[in-house]
C-alpha atoms as a PDB file:
ATOM      1  CA  UNK A   1      15.284  64.191  23.726  1.00  0.00           C
ATOM      2  CA  UNK A   2      12.775  67.003  23.866  1.00  0.00           C
ATOM      3  CA  UNK A   3       9.339  66.608  22.401  1.00  0.00           C
ATOM      4  CA  UNK A   4       9.823  69.422  19.893  1.00  0.00           C
ATOM      5  CA  UNK A   5      12.978  67.755  18.572  1.00  0.00           C
ATOM      6  CA  UNK A   6      11.180  64.457  18.111  1.00  0.00           C
ATOM      7  CA  UNK A   7       8.213  66.109  16.410  1.00  0.00           C
ATOM      8  CA  UNK A   8      10.545  67.802  13.933  1.00  0.00           C
ATOM      9  CA  UNK A   9      12.951  64.915  13.361  1.00  0.00           C
ATOM     10  CA  UNK A  10      10.303  62.279  12.588  1.00  0.00           C
ATOM     11  CA  UNK A  11       8.678  64.012   9.582  1.00  0.00           C
ATOM     12  CA  UNK A  12      12.047  65.169   8.221  1.00  0.00           C
ATOM     13  CA  UNK A  13      13.480  61.653   8.390  1.00  0.00           C
ATOM     14  CA  UNK A  14      10.372  60.072   6.858  1.00  0.00           C
ATOM     15  CA  UNK A  15      10.226  62.572   3.983  1.00  0.00           C
ATOM     16  CA  UNK A  16      13.963  62.220   3.310  1.00  0.00           C
ATOM     17  CA  UNK A  17      13.698  58.431   3.275  1.00  0.00           C
ATOM     18  CA  UNK A  18      10.739  58.494   0.886  1.00  0.00           C
ATOM     19  CA  UNK A  19      12.563  60.823  -1.505  1.00  0.00           C
ATOM     20  CA  UNK A  20      15.756  58.790  -1.306  1.00  0.00           C
ATOM     21  CA  UNK A  21      14.065  55.427  -1.875  1.00  0.00           C
ATOM     22  CA  UNK A  22      11.353  56.526  -4.274  1.00  0.00           C
ATOM     23  CA  UNK A  23      13.214  59.073  -6.425  1.00  0.00           C
ATOM     24  CA  UNK A  24      16.976  59.195  -5.920  1.00  0.00           C
ATOM     25  CA  UNK A  25      17.495  55.432  -5.919  1.00  0.00           C
ATOM     26  CA  UNK A  26      15.620  55.108  -9.220  1.00  0.00           C
ATOM     27  CA  UNK A  27      17.744  57.636 -11.096  1.00  0.00           C
ATOM     28  CA  UNK A  28      20.336  54.939 -11.830  1.00  0.00           C
ATOM     29  CA  UNK A  29      23.230  57.328 -11.228  1.00  0.00           C
ATOM     30  CA  UNK A  30      26.761  55.932 -11.571  1.00  0.00           C
ATOM     31  CA  UNK A  31      28.391  54.957  -8.317  1.00  0.00           C
ATOM     32  CA  UNK A  32      26.639  55.588  -5.023  1.00  0.00           C
ATOM     33  CA  UNK A  33      23.085  56.752  -4.373  1.00  0.00           C
ATOM     34  CA  UNK A  34      22.705  60.337  -3.081  1.00  0.00           C
ATOM     35  CA  UNK A  35      22.289  60.024   0.681  1.00  0.00           C
ATOM     36  CA  UNK A  36      19.607  62.557   1.536  1.00  0.00           C
ATOM     37  CA  UNK A  37      18.868  60.830   4.827  1.00  0.00           C
ATOM     38  CA  UNK A  38      22.436  61.297   5.978  1.00  0.00           C
ATOM     39  CA  UNK A  39      22.298  65.021   5.153  1.00  0.00           C
ATOM     40  CA  UNK A  40      19.162  65.423   7.281  1.00  0.00           C
ATOM     41  CA  UNK A  41      20.879  63.700  10.198  1.00  0.00           C
ATOM     42  CA  UNK A  42      23.932  65.940   9.813  1.00  0.00           C
ATOM     43  CA  UNK A  43      21.802  69.092   9.677  1.00  0.00           C
ATOM     44  CA  UNK A  44      19.944  68.148  12.872  1.00  0.00           C
ATOM     45  CA  UNK A  45      23.150  67.084  14.639  1.00  0.00           C
ATOM     46  CA  UNK A  46      24.797  70.438  13.911  1.00  0.00           C
ATOM     47  CA  UNK A  47      22.028  72.131  15.919  1.00  0.00           C
ATOM     48  CA  UNK A  48      21.087  69.505  18.528  1.00  0.00           C
ATOM     49  CA  UNK A  49      24.589  68.324  19.419  1.00  0.00           C
ATOM     50  CA  UNK A  50      26.174  64.892  19.653  1.00  0.00           C
ATOM     51  CA  UNK A  51      23.542  63.270  21.901  1.00  0.00           C
ATOM     52  CA  UNK A  52      20.582  64.305  19.781  1.00  0.00           C
ATOM     53  CA  UNK A  53      22.520  63.630  16.592  1.00  0.00           C
ATOM     54  CA  UNK A  54      23.386  60.073  17.606  1.00  0.00           C
ATOM     55  CA  UNK A  55      19.817  59.268  18.657  1.00  0.00           C
ATOM     56  CA  UNK A  56      18.324  60.715  15.481  1.00  0.00           C
ATOM     57  CA  UNK A  57      20.958  58.964  13.383  1.00  0.00           C
ATOM     58  CA  UNK A  58      20.240  55.606  14.983  1.00  0.00           C
ATOM     59  CA  UNK A  59      16.480  55.980  14.496  1.00  0.00           C
ATOM     60  CA  UNK A  60      16.838  57.145  10.895  1.00  0.00           C
ATOM     61  CA  UNK A  61      19.290  54.367  10.060  1.00  0.00           C
ATOM     62  CA  UNK A  62      17.070  51.727  11.637  1.00  0.00           C
ATOM     63  CA  UNK A  63      14.120  52.991   9.634  1.00  0.00           C
ATOM     64  CA  UNK A  64      16.218  52.766   6.468  1.00  0.00           C
ATOM     65  CA  UNK A  65      17.258  49.230   7.401  1.00  0.00           C
ATOM     66  CA  UNK A  66      13.586  48.221   7.651  1.00  0.00           C
ATOM     67  CA  UNK A  67      12.509  49.956   4.425  1.00  0.00           C
ATOM     68  CA  UNK A  68      11.266  47.479   1.745  1.00  0.00           C
ATOM     69  CA  UNK A  69      14.124  47.772  -0.819  1.00  0.00           C
ATOM     70  CA  UNK A  70      16.790  47.164   1.851  1.00  0.00           C
ATOM     71  CA  UNK A  71      18.913  44.083   1.123  1.00  0.00           C
ATOM     72  CA  UNK A  72      21.451  44.374   3.930  1.00  0.00           C
ATOM     73  CA  UNK A  73      21.555  43.307   7.563  1.00  0.00           C
ATOM     74  CA  UNK A  74      19.264  45.149   9.969  1.00  0.00           C
ATOM     75  CA  UNK A  75      21.213  47.585  12.099  1.00  0.00           C
ATOM     76  CA  UNK A  76      24.021  48.163   9.641  1.00  0.00           C
ATOM     77  CA  UNK A  77      22.904  51.577   8.455  1.00  0.00           C
ATOM     78  CA  UNK A  78      21.660  52.435  11.961  1.00  0.00           C
ATOM     79  CA  UNK A  79      25.207  52.022  13.271  1.00  0.00           C
ATOM     80  CA  UNK A  80      26.617  54.148  10.452  1.00  0.00           C
ATOM     81  CA  UNK A  81      24.224  57.067  10.940  1.00  0.00           C
ATOM     82  CA  UNK A  82      24.526  56.857  14.716  1.00  0.00           C
ATOM     83  CA  UNK A  83      28.280  57.393  14.478  1.00  0.00           C
ATOM     84  CA  UNK A  84      27.870  60.121  11.838  1.00  0.00           C
ATOM     85  CA  UNK A  85      25.313  61.974  13.963  1.00  0.00           C
ATOM     86  CA  UNK A  86      27.510  61.748  17.039  1.00  0.00           C
ATOM     87  CA  UNK A  87      30.648  63.037  15.300  1.00  0.00           C
ATOM     88  CA  UNK A  88      28.751  65.807  13.476  1.00  0.00           C
ATOM     89  CA  UNK A  89      27.160  66.918  16.743  1.00  0.00           C
ATOM     90  CA  UNK A  90      30.588  67.342  18.339  1.00  0.00           C
ATOM     91  CA  UNK A  91      31.236  70.288  16.002  1.00  0.00           C
ATOM     92  CA  UNK A  92      28.358  72.283  17.483  1.00  0.00           C
ATOM     93  CA  UNK A  93      29.775  75.545  18.905  1.00  0.00           C
ATOM     94  CA  UNK A  94      29.057  76.726  22.439  1.00  0.00           C
ATOM     95  CA  UNK A  95      26.666  79.459  21.314  1.00  0.00           C
ATOM     96  CA  UNK A  96      24.776  76.986  19.112  1.00  0.00           C
ATOM     97  CA  UNK A  97      25.336  78.855  15.840  1.00  0.00           C
ATOM     98  CA  UNK A  98      28.036  78.495  13.209  1.00  0.00           C
ATOM     99  CA  UNK A  99      29.597  81.768  12.100  1.00  0.00           C
ATOM    100  CA  UNK A 100      30.259  80.588   8.546  1.00  0.00           C
ATOM    101  CA  UNK A 101      29.340  77.776   6.194  1.00  0.00           C
ATOM    102  CA  UNK A 102      32.881  76.414   6.099  1.00  0.00           C
ATOM    103  CA  UNK A 103      32.557  74.078   9.056  1.00  0.00           C
ATOM    104  CA  UNK A 104      29.179  72.580   7.982  1.00  0.00           C
ATOM    105  CA  UNK A 105      30.627  72.036   4.504  1.00  0.00           C
ATOM    106  CA  UNK A 106      33.636  70.225   5.943  1.00  0.00           C
ATOM    107  CA  UNK A 107      31.291  68.150   8.107  1.00  0.00           C
ATOM    108  CA  UNK A 108      29.250  67.167   5.042  1.00  0.00           C
ATOM    109  CA  UNK A 109      32.387  66.068   3.164  1.00  0.00           C
ATOM    110  CA  UNK A 110      33.626  64.111   6.143  1.00  0.00           C
ATOM    111  CA  UNK A 111      30.206  62.525   6.670  1.00  0.00           C
ATOM    112  CA  UNK A 112      29.981  61.468   3.020  1.00  0.00           C
ATOM    113  CA  UNK A 113      33.402  59.835   3.096  1.00  0.00           C
ATOM    114  CA  UNK A 114      33.024  58.424   6.595  1.00  0.00           C
ATOM    115  CA  UNK A 115      29.580  56.927   6.010  1.00  0.00           C
ATOM    116  CA  UNK A 116      30.753  55.197   2.829  1.00  0.00           C
ATOM    117  CA  UNK A 117      33.861  53.783   4.477  1.00  0.00           C
ATOM    118  CA  UNK A 118      31.994  52.731   7.601  1.00  0.00           C
ATOM    119  CA  UNK A 119      29.176  51.139   5.612  1.00  0.00           C
ATOM    120  CA  UNK A 120      31.659  49.187   3.499  1.00  0.00           C
ATOM    121  CA  UNK A 121      33.659  48.216   6.579  1.00  0.00           C
ATOM    122  CA  UNK A 122      30.649  46.894   8.452  1.00  0.00           C
ATOM    123  CA  UNK A 123      29.565  45.097   5.282  1.00  0.00           C
ATOM    124  CA  UNK A 124      32.901  43.333   5.020  1.00  0.00           C
ATOM    125  CA  UNK A 125      32.511  42.114   8.598  1.00  0.00           C
ATOM    126  CA  UNK A 126      29.128  40.525   7.874  1.00  0.00           C
ATOM    127  CA  UNK A 127      30.191  39.097   4.510  1.00  0.00           C
ATOM    128  CA  UNK A 128      28.803  41.738   2.138  1.00  0.00           C
ATOM    129  CA  UNK A 129      31.309  42.237  -0.704  1.00  0.00           C
ATOM    130  CA  UNK A 130      29.203  44.521  -2.912  1.00  0.00           C
ATOM    131  CA  UNK A 131      31.550  47.451  -2.360  1.00  0.00           C
ATOM    132  CA  UNK A 132      34.458  45.466  -3.822  1.00  0.00           C
ATOM    133  CA  UNK A 133      32.609  44.761  -7.057  1.00  0.00           C
ATOM    134  CA  UNK A 134      31.519  48.371  -7.547  1.00  0.00           C
ATOM    135  CA  UNK A 135      34.852  49.871  -6.484  1.00  0.00           C
ATOM    136  CA  UNK A 136      35.441  51.669  -3.198  1.00  0.00           C
ATOM    137  CA  UNK A 137      37.165  54.645  -4.805  1.00  0.00           C
ATOM    138  CA  UNK A 138      34.273  55.183  -7.207  1.00  0.00           C
ATOM    139  CA  UNK A 139      31.813  54.986  -4.339  1.00  0.00           C
ATOM    140  CA  UNK A 140      33.751  57.568  -2.337  1.00  0.00           C
ATOM    141  CA  UNK A 141      34.017  60.029  -5.206  1.00  0.00           C
ATOM    142  CA  UNK A 142      30.400  59.689  -6.328  1.00  0.00           C
ATOM    143  CA  UNK A 143      29.004  59.803  -2.783  1.00  0.00           C
ATOM    144  CA  UNK A 144      30.989  62.927  -1.949  1.00  0.00           C
ATOM    145  CA  UNK A 145      29.973  64.628  -5.195  1.00  0.00           C
ATOM    146  CA  UNK A 146      26.266  63.831  -4.859  1.00  0.00           C
ATOM    147  CA  UNK A 147      26.118  64.859  -1.202  1.00  0.00           C
ATOM    148  CA  UNK A 148      27.900  68.136  -1.918  1.00  0.00           C
ATOM    149  CA  UNK A 149      25.388  68.907  -4.646  1.00  0.00           C
ATOM    150  CA  UNK A 150      22.444  68.219  -2.347  1.00  0.00           C
ATOM    151  CA  UNK A 151      23.910  69.820   0.791  1.00  0.00           C
ATOM    152  CA  UNK A 152      23.240  73.511  -0.098  1.00  0.00           C
ATOM    153  CA  UNK A 153      19.554  72.719  -0.619  1.00  0.00           C
ATOM    154  CA  UNK A 154      19.147  70.438   2.392  1.00  0.00           C
ATOM    155  CA  UNK A 155      21.448  71.197   5.328  1.00  0.00           C
ATOM    156  CA  UNK A 156      20.703  74.955   5.685  1.00  0.00           C
ATOM    157  CA  UNK A 157      16.954  74.311   5.513  1.00  0.00           C
ATOM    158  CA  UNK A 158      17.124  71.551   8.131  1.00  0.00           C
ATOM    159  CA  UNK A 159      19.292  73.687  10.422  1.00  0.00           C
ATOM    160  CA  UNK A 160      16.908  76.638  10.110  1.00  0.00           C
ATOM    161  CA  UNK A 161      13.922  74.480  11.024  1.00  0.00           C
ATOM    162  CA  UNK A 162      15.818  72.979  13.949  1.00  0.00           C
ATOM    163  CA  UNK A 163      16.777  76.411  15.310  1.00  0.00           C
ATOM    164  CA  UNK A 164      13.168  77.581  15.172  1.00  0.00           C
ATOM    165  CA  UNK A 165      12.067  74.738  17.431  1.00  0.00           C
ATOM    166  CA  UNK A 166      15.119  74.919  19.675  1.00  0.00           C
ATOM    167  CA  UNK A 167      14.870  77.012  22.856  1.00  0.00           C
ATOM    168  CA  UNK A 168      18.087  78.939  23.508  1.00  0.00           C
ATOM    169  CA  UNK A 169      18.139  80.446  27.043  1.00  0.00           C
ATOM    170  CA  UNK A 170      21.225  82.547  26.276  1.00  0.00           C
ATOM    171  CA  UNK A 171      19.523  84.149  23.288  1.00  0.00           C
ATOM    172  CA  UNK A 172      16.382  84.742  25.383  1.00  0.00           C
ATOM    173  CA  UNK A 173      18.322  86.464  28.158  1.00  0.00           C
ATOM    174  CA  UNK A 174      20.189  88.627  25.641  1.00  0.00           C
ATOM    175  CA  UNK A 175      16.948  89.590  23.945  1.00  0.00           C
ATOM    176  CA  UNK A 176      15.335  90.412  27.296  1.00  0.00           C
ATOM    177  CA  UNK A 177      18.208  92.661  28.349  1.00  0.00           C
ATOM    178  CA  UNK A 178      18.163  94.485  25.003  1.00  0.00           C
ATOM    179  CA  UNK A 179      14.401  95.043  25.262  1.00  0.00           C
ATOM    180  CA  UNK A 180      14.664  96.388  28.809  1.00  0.00           C
ATOM    181  CA  UNK A 181      17.202  98.957  27.591  1.00  0.00           C
ATOM    182  CA  UNK A 182      20.749  98.267  26.582  1.00  0.00           C
ATOM    183  CA  UNK A 183      22.063 100.897  29.031  1.00  0.00           C
ATOM    184  CA  UNK A 184      21.114  98.747  32.039  1.00  0.00           C
ATOM    185  CA  UNK A 185      22.201 100.639  35.169  1.00  0.00           C
ATOM    186  CA  UNK A 186      22.372 103.896  33.253  1.00  0.00           C
ATOM    187  CA  UNK A 187      18.599 103.906  32.813  1.00  0.00           C
ATOM    188  CA  UNK A 188      17.984 103.206  36.470  1.00  0.00           C
ATOM    189  CA  UNK A 189      20.366 106.002  37.455  1.00  0.00           C
ATOM    190  CA  UNK A 190      18.547 108.556  35.328  1.00  0.00           C
ATOM    191  CA  UNK A 191      15.178 107.450  36.682  1.00  0.00           C
ATOM    192  CA  UNK A 192      16.236 107.550  40.321  1.00  0.00           C
ATOM    193  CA  UNK A 193      17.860 110.989  40.041  1.00  0.00           C
ATOM    194  CA  UNK A 194      14.816 112.584  38.444  1.00  0.00           C
ATOM    195  CA  UNK A 195      13.564 114.094  41.718  1.00  0.00           C
ATOM    196  CA  UNK A 196      17.015 115.482  42.517  1.00  0.00           C
ATOM    197  CA  UNK A 197      17.186 117.281  39.160  1.00  0.00           C
ATOM    198  CA  UNK A 198      13.773 118.768  39.766  1.00  0.00           C
ATOM    199  CA  UNK A 199      14.783 120.024  43.240  1.00  0.00           C
ATOM    200  CA  UNK A 200      17.994 121.594  41.940  1.00  0.00           C
ATOM    201  CA  UNK A 201      16.048 123.441  39.239  1.00  0.00           C
ATOM    202  CA  UNK A 202      13.694 124.896  41.849  1.00  0.00           C
ATOM    203  CA  UNK A 203      16.636 126.008  43.987  1.00  0.00           C
ATOM    204  CA  UNK A 204      18.322 127.804  41.069  1.00  0.00           C
ATOM    205  CA  UNK A 205      15.072 129.490  40.199  1.00  0.00           C
ATOM    206  CA  UNK A 206      14.715 130.723  43.784  1.00  0.00           C
ATOM    207  CA  UNK A 207      18.251 132.134  43.737  1.00  0.00           C
ATOM    208  CA  UNK A 208      17.643 134.083  40.531  1.00  0.00           C
ATOM    209  CA  UNK A 209      14.343 135.593  41.671  1.00  0.00           C
ATOM    210  CA  UNK A 210      15.588 136.293  45.197  1.00  0.00           C
ATOM    211  CA  UNK A 211      12.803 134.290  46.779  1.00  0.00           C
ATOM    212  CA  UNK A 212      13.432 131.683  49.400  1.00  0.00           C
ATOM    213  CA  UNK A 213      10.799 128.947  49.832  1.00  0.00           C
ATOM    214  CA  UNK A 214       9.034 129.058  53.165  1.00  0.00           C
ATOM    215  CA  UNK A 215       9.623 126.144  55.507  1.00  0.00           C
ATOM    216  CA  UNK A 216       6.783 123.711  55.856  1.00  0.00           C
ATOM    217  CA  UNK A 217       4.832 123.435  59.081  1.00  0.00           C
ATOM    218  CA  UNK A 218       6.058 120.979  61.641  1.00  0.00           C
ATOM    219  CA  UNK A 219       9.575 120.872  60.244  1.00  0.00           C
ATOM    220  CA  UNK A 220      12.440 122.844  58.805  1.00  0.00           C
ATOM    221  CA  UNK A 221      13.378 122.985  55.144  1.00  0.00           C
ATOM    222  CA  UNK A 222      16.906 121.837  54.586  1.00  0.00           C
ATOM    223  CA  UNK A 223      19.118 124.141  52.586  1.00  0.00           C
ATOM    224  CA  UNK A 224      17.252 127.402  53.380  1.00  0.00           C
ATOM    225  CA  UNK A 225      20.124 128.806  55.407  1.00  0.00           C
ATOM    226  CA  UNK A 226      22.472 128.066  52.586  1.00  0.00           C
ATOM    227  CA  UNK A 227      20.190 129.864  50.145  1.00  0.00           C
ATOM    228  CA  UNK A 228      20.215 133.015  52.301  1.00  0.00           C
ATOM    229  CA  UNK A 229      23.977 133.020  52.317  1.00  0.00           C
ATOM    230  CA  UNK A 230      24.052 132.702  48.567  1.00  0.00           C
ATOM    231  CA  UNK A 231      21.568 135.578  48.295  1.00  0.00           C
ATOM    232  CA  UNK A 232      23.832 137.811  50.420  1.00  0.00           C
ATOM    233  CA  UNK A 233      26.824 136.964  48.269  1.00  0.00           C
ATOM    234  CA  UNK A 234      24.835 137.914  45.185  1.00  0.00           C
ATOM    235  CA  UNK A 235      23.985 141.357  46.615  1.00  0.00           C
ATOM    236  CA  UNK A 236      27.660 142.004  47.421  1.00  0.00           C
END
């Protein structure tokens, strides 16, 4: 990963984890806990792609596994967020920017449902049956609802910050060509034909006044003979 991505991802993940553990987890909301950390991973993955999204998801999940209130196996949430970051990063378009908010919204819904199912599935493999006591359907509905409520305030902000630190060579080339003049070859053509326009103006002026420019010393002026012929035609 690039240094600028790491420098942005670390504070975002730390702040999201502090808010999730210190504030959201203490609200005692029914069902699941709002997953702000997952929304940050999704927002970064939508800009950085599947490789960056999986790496950030694994690091964020591992940090959540090591946080003091965690009562599950280490690596469980790291696996979940790694998969979520990878899948969310696959939806990144070729130009790096989403044309509408529909696709990010669908990604958020899918991430909320997928993370809950994957977390419960991994938990069942290691012997954690907490999801059965709470109710898997209630967890899915509450997790999706809470994440959708937080997504408009989190995902666009994270994506905007990620785009500001992301270097896009296509955008740079487009900006450079627009600054140099959108006409491109048209501008060069006008600049290179400037001397020809000036010469043609002088020739027309000589025809109207009846004066032919004298040839320079050591050479002959091209087009003088033609000007005399034009002058004779004018007198006729």
